[in-house]
Amino acid sequence: MKRLMQKYNNEDFWHKVDFGKPLNSFAQFYGLPFNKMLETKYYEFHLKIETPPDVELGSKSGDDFQKPTTKTLKDFLNG
Protein backbone atom coordinates (compact mmCIF):
# COMPACT_ATOMS: atom_id res chain seq x y z
CA MET A 1 0.00 0.00 0.00
CA LYS A 2 2.92 2.36 0.68
CA ARG A 3 4.20 2.09 -2.89
CA LEU A 4 0.74 2.80 -4.26
CA MET A 5 0.33 5.81 -1.98
CA GLN A 6 3.73 7.16 -3.09
CA LYS A 7 2.83 6.83 -6.75
CA TYR A 8 -0.83 7.90 -6.43
CA ASN A 9 -0.63 10.18 -3.40
CA ASN A 10 -4.02 11.91 -3.64
CA GLU A 11 -6.05 10.64 -0.68
CA ASP A 12 -9.24 12.09 -2.14
CA PHE A 13 -8.72 9.84 -5.20
CA TRP A 14 -8.62 6.72 -3.04
CA HIS A 15 -11.88 7.68 -1.31
CA LYS A 16 -13.77 8.37 -4.53
CA VAL A 17 -12.43 5.77 -6.97
CA ASP A 18 -14.72 2.89 -7.90
CA PHE A 19 -13.45 -0.16 -9.78
CA GLY A 20 -16.86 -1.70 -10.32
CA LYS A 21 -16.18 -4.87 -8.39
CA PRO A 22 -14.77 -5.65 -4.95
CA LEU A 23 -11.04 -6.28 -4.79
CA ASN A 24 -9.42 -9.03 -2.77
CA SER A 25 -6.17 -7.19 -2.15
CA PHE A 26 -4.28 -4.05 -3.09
CA ALA A 27 -1.63 -6.36 -4.52
CA GLN A 28 -3.89 -6.77 -7.55
CA PHE A 29 -2.90 -3.26 -8.64
CA TYR A 30 0.63 -4.44 -9.41
CA GLY A 31 -0.50 -6.85 -12.14
CA LEU A 32 -2.42 -6.55 -15.37
CA PRO A 33 -5.17 -5.44 -15.98
CA PHE A 34 -5.57 -3.62 -12.67
CA ASN A 35 -2.38 -1.53 -12.92
CA LYS A 36 -3.51 -0.05 -16.25
CA MET A 37 -7.00 0.47 -14.86
CA LEU A 38 -5.55 2.29 -11.85
CA GLU A 39 -3.41 4.56 -14.05
CA THR A 40 -6.42 5.35 -16.24
CA LYS A 41 -8.67 6.12 -13.26
CA TYR A 42 -5.99 8.36 -11.71
CA TYR A 43 -5.53 10.24 -14.98
CA GLU A 44 -9.31 10.68 -15.39
CA PHE A 45 -9.63 11.87 -11.79
CA HIS A 46 -7.07 14.64 -12.36
CA LEU A 47 -8.23 15.57 -15.87
CA LYS A 48 -9.41 19.17 -16.10
CA ILE A 49 -11.44 20.04 -19.17
CA GLU A 50 -11.29 23.71 -20.03
CA THR A 51 -14.40 25.27 -21.46
CA PRO A 52 -13.75 27.33 -24.58
CA PRO A 53 -14.50 31.06 -24.32
CA ASP A 54 -17.82 32.25 -25.70
CA VAL A 55 -17.59 33.85 -29.12
CA GLU A 56 -19.64 36.98 -29.56
CA LEU A 57 -20.65 37.67 -33.13
CA GLY A 58 -20.53 41.27 -34.29
CA SER A 59 -22.17 42.97 -37.20
CA LYS A 60 -21.67 41.59 -40.66
CA SER A 61 -18.95 43.13 -42.79
CA GLY A 62 -18.43 42.77 -46.52
CA ASP A 63 -20.56 41.28 -49.25
CA ASP A 64 -21.76 37.71 -49.50
CA PHE A 65 -19.55 35.34 -51.46
CA GLN A 66 -21.04 34.52 -54.84
CA LYS A 67 -19.78 31.18 -56.06
CA PRO A 68 -19.20 31.35 -59.82
CA THR A 69 -21.17 28.82 -61.79
CA THR A 70 -19.06 26.20 -63.46
CA LYS A 71 -19.50 25.40 -67.10
CA THR A 72 -20.85 22.04 -68.02
CA LEU A 73 -19.15 19.97 -70.72
CA LYS A 74 -21.96 20.80 -73.12
CA ASP A 75 -21.53 24.57 -72.51
CA PHE A 76 -17.76 24.25 -72.97
CA LEU A 77 -18.07 22.40 -76.29
CA ASN A 78 -20.75 24.75 -77.65
CA GLY A 79 -18.52 27.74 -76.98
C-alpha atoms as a PDB file:
ATOM      1  CA  MET A   1       0.000   0.000   0.000  1.00  0.00           C
ATOM      2  CA  LYS A   2       2.921   2.361   0.676  1.00  0.00           C
ATOM      3  CA  ARG A   3       4.201   2.093  -2.889  1.00  0.00           C
ATOM      4  CA  LEU A   4       0.735   2.798  -4.258  1.00  0.00           C
ATOM      5  CA  MET A   5       0.335   5.812  -1.980  1.00  0.00           C
ATOM      6  CA  GLN A   6       3.728   7.155  -3.087  1.00  0.00           C
ATOM      7  CA  LYS A   7       2.828   6.831  -6.754  1.00  0.00           C
ATOM      8  CA  TYR A   8      -0.834   7.897  -6.428  1.00  0.00           C
ATOM      9  CA  ASN A   9      -0.632  10.178  -3.404  1.00  0.00           C
ATOM     10  CA  ASN A  10      -4.017  11.911  -3.637  1.00  0.00           C
ATOM     11  CA  GLU A  11      -6.046  10.641  -0.685  1.00  0.00           C
ATOM     12  CA  ASP A  12      -9.241  12.093  -2.142  1.00  0.00           C
ATOM     13  CA  PHE A  13      -8.722   9.845  -5.196  1.00  0.00           C
ATOM     14  CA  TRP A  14      -8.622   6.721  -3.038  1.00  0.00           C
ATOM     15  CA  HIS A  15     -11.877   7.682  -1.306  1.00  0.00           C
ATOM     16  CA  LYS A  16     -13.767   8.366  -4.527  1.00  0.00           C
ATOM     17  CA  VAL A  17     -12.434   5.768  -6.966  1.00  0.00           C
ATOM     18  CA  ASP A  18     -14.723   2.888  -7.898  1.00  0.00           C
ATOM     19  CA  PHE A  19     -13.449  -0.159  -9.776  1.00  0.00           C
ATOM     20  CA  GLY A  20     -16.861  -1.701 -10.321  1.00  0.00           C
ATOM     21  CA  LYS A  21     -16.183  -4.870  -8.390  1.00  0.00           C
ATOM     22  CA  PRO A  22     -14.774  -5.648  -4.949  1.00  0.00           C
ATOM     23  CA  LEU A  23     -11.043  -6.277  -4.790  1.00  0.00           C
ATOM     24  CA  ASN A  24      -9.421  -9.032  -2.772  1.00  0.00           C
ATOM     25  CA  SER A  25      -6.171  -7.190  -2.145  1.00  0.00           C
ATOM     26  CA  PHE A  26      -4.284  -4.050  -3.089  1.00  0.00           C
ATOM     27  CA  ALA A  27      -1.626  -6.364  -4.517  1.00  0.00           C
ATOM     28  CA  GLN A  28      -3.892  -6.770  -7.545  1.00  0.00           C
ATOM     29  CA  PHE A  29      -2.898  -3.263  -8.638  1.00  0.00           C
ATOM     30  CA  TYR A  30       0.634  -4.442  -9.413  1.00  0.00           C
ATOM     31  CA  GLY A  31      -0.496  -6.853 -12.137  1.00  0.00           C
ATOM     32  CA  LEU A  32      -2.417  -6.554 -15.372  1.00  0.00           C
ATOM     33  CA  PRO A  33      -5.173  -5.438 -15.979  1.00  0.00           C
ATOM     34  CA  PHE A  34      -5.574  -3.621 -12.666  1.00  0.00           C
ATOM     35  CA  ASN A  35      -2.377  -1.528 -12.917  1.00  0.00           C
ATOM     36  CA  LYS A  36      -3.509  -0.051 -16.255  1.00  0.00           C
ATOM     37  CA  MET A  37      -7.002   0.467 -14.857  1.00  0.00           C
ATOM     38  CA  LEU A  38      -5.555   2.292 -11.849  1.00  0.00           C
ATOM     39  CA  GLU A  39      -3.411   4.556 -14.050  1.00  0.00           C
ATOM     40  CA  THR A  40      -6.424   5.353 -16.235  1.00  0.00           C
ATOM     41  CA  LYS A  41      -8.671   6.118 -13.258  1.00  0.00           C
ATOM     42  CA  TYR A  42      -5.987   8.355 -11.706  1.00  0.00           C
ATOM     43  CA  TYR A  43      -5.530  10.244 -14.984  1.00  0.00           C
ATOM     44  CA  GLU A  44      -9.309  10.675 -15.395  1.00  0.00           C
ATOM     45  CA  PHE A  45      -9.627  11.874 -11.786  1.00  0.00           C
ATOM     46  CA  HIS A  46      -7.068  14.644 -12.363  1.00  0.00           C
ATOM     47  CA  LEU A  47      -8.232  15.574 -15.871  1.00  0.00           C
ATOM     48  CA  LYS A  48      -9.414  19.174 -16.097  1.00  0.00           C
ATOM     49  CA  ILE A  49     -11.438  20.040 -19.172  1.00  0.00           C
ATOM     50  CA  GLU A  50     -11.293  23.712 -20.031  1.00  0.00           C
ATOM     51  CA  THR A  51     -14.402  25.268 -21.464  1.00  0.00           C
ATOM     52  CA  PRO A  52     -13.751  27.334 -24.576  1.00  0.00           C
ATOM     53  CA  PRO A  53     -14.505  31.059 -24.325  1.00  0.00           C
ATOM     54  CA  ASP A  54     -17.817  32.250 -25.702  1.00  0.00           C
ATOM     55  CA  VAL A  55     -17.589  33.846 -29.121  1.00  0.00           C
ATOM     56  CA  GLU A  56     -19.636  36.975 -29.564  1.00  0.00           C
ATOM     57  CA  LEU A  57     -20.654  37.670 -33.132  1.00  0.00           C
ATOM     58  CA  GLY A  58     -20.527  41.267 -34.290  1.00  0.00           C
ATOM     59  CA  SER A  59     -22.170  42.971 -37.200  1.00  0.00           C
ATOM     60  CA  LYS A  60     -21.675  41.590 -40.659  1.00  0.00           C
ATOM     61  CA  SER A  61     -18.950  43.126 -42.791  1.00  0.00           C
ATOM     62  CA  GLY A  62     -18.434  42.772 -46.525  1.00  0.00           C
ATOM     63  CA  ASP A  63     -20.559  41.278 -49.253  1.00  0.00           C
ATOM     64  CA  ASP A  64     -21.758  37.705 -49.496  1.00  0.00           C
ATOM     65  CA  PHE A  65     -19.554  35.340 -51.462  1.00  0.00           C
ATOM     66  CA  GLN A  66     -21.039  34.516 -54.836  1.00  0.00           C
ATOM     67  CA  LYS A  67     -19.782  31.176 -56.059  1.00  0.00           C
ATOM     68  CA  PRO A  68     -19.201  31.353 -59.816  1.00  0.00           C
ATOM     69  CA  THR A  69     -21.172  28.821 -61.794  1.00  0.00           C
ATOM     70  CA  THR A  70     -19.055  26.200 -63.460  1.00  0.00           C
ATOM     71  CA  LYS A  71     -19.502  25.403 -67.101  1.00  0.00           C
ATOM     72  CA  THR A  72     -20.852  22.040 -68.016  1.00  0.00           C
ATOM     73  CA  LEU A  73     -19.153  19.971 -70.717  1.00  0.00           C
ATOM     74  CA  LYS A  74     -21.964  20.795 -73.122  1.00  0.00           C
ATOM     75  CA  ASP A  75     -21.535  24.571 -72.510  1.00  0.00           C
ATOM     76  CA  PHE A  76     -17.756  24.247 -72.969  1.00  0.00           C
ATOM     77  CA  LEU A  77     -18.068  22.400 -76.287  1.00  0.00           C
ATOM     78  CA  ASN A  78     -20.749  24.750 -77.652  1.00  0.00           C
ATOM     79  CA  GLY A  79     -18.524  27.735 -76.981  1.00  0.00           C
END
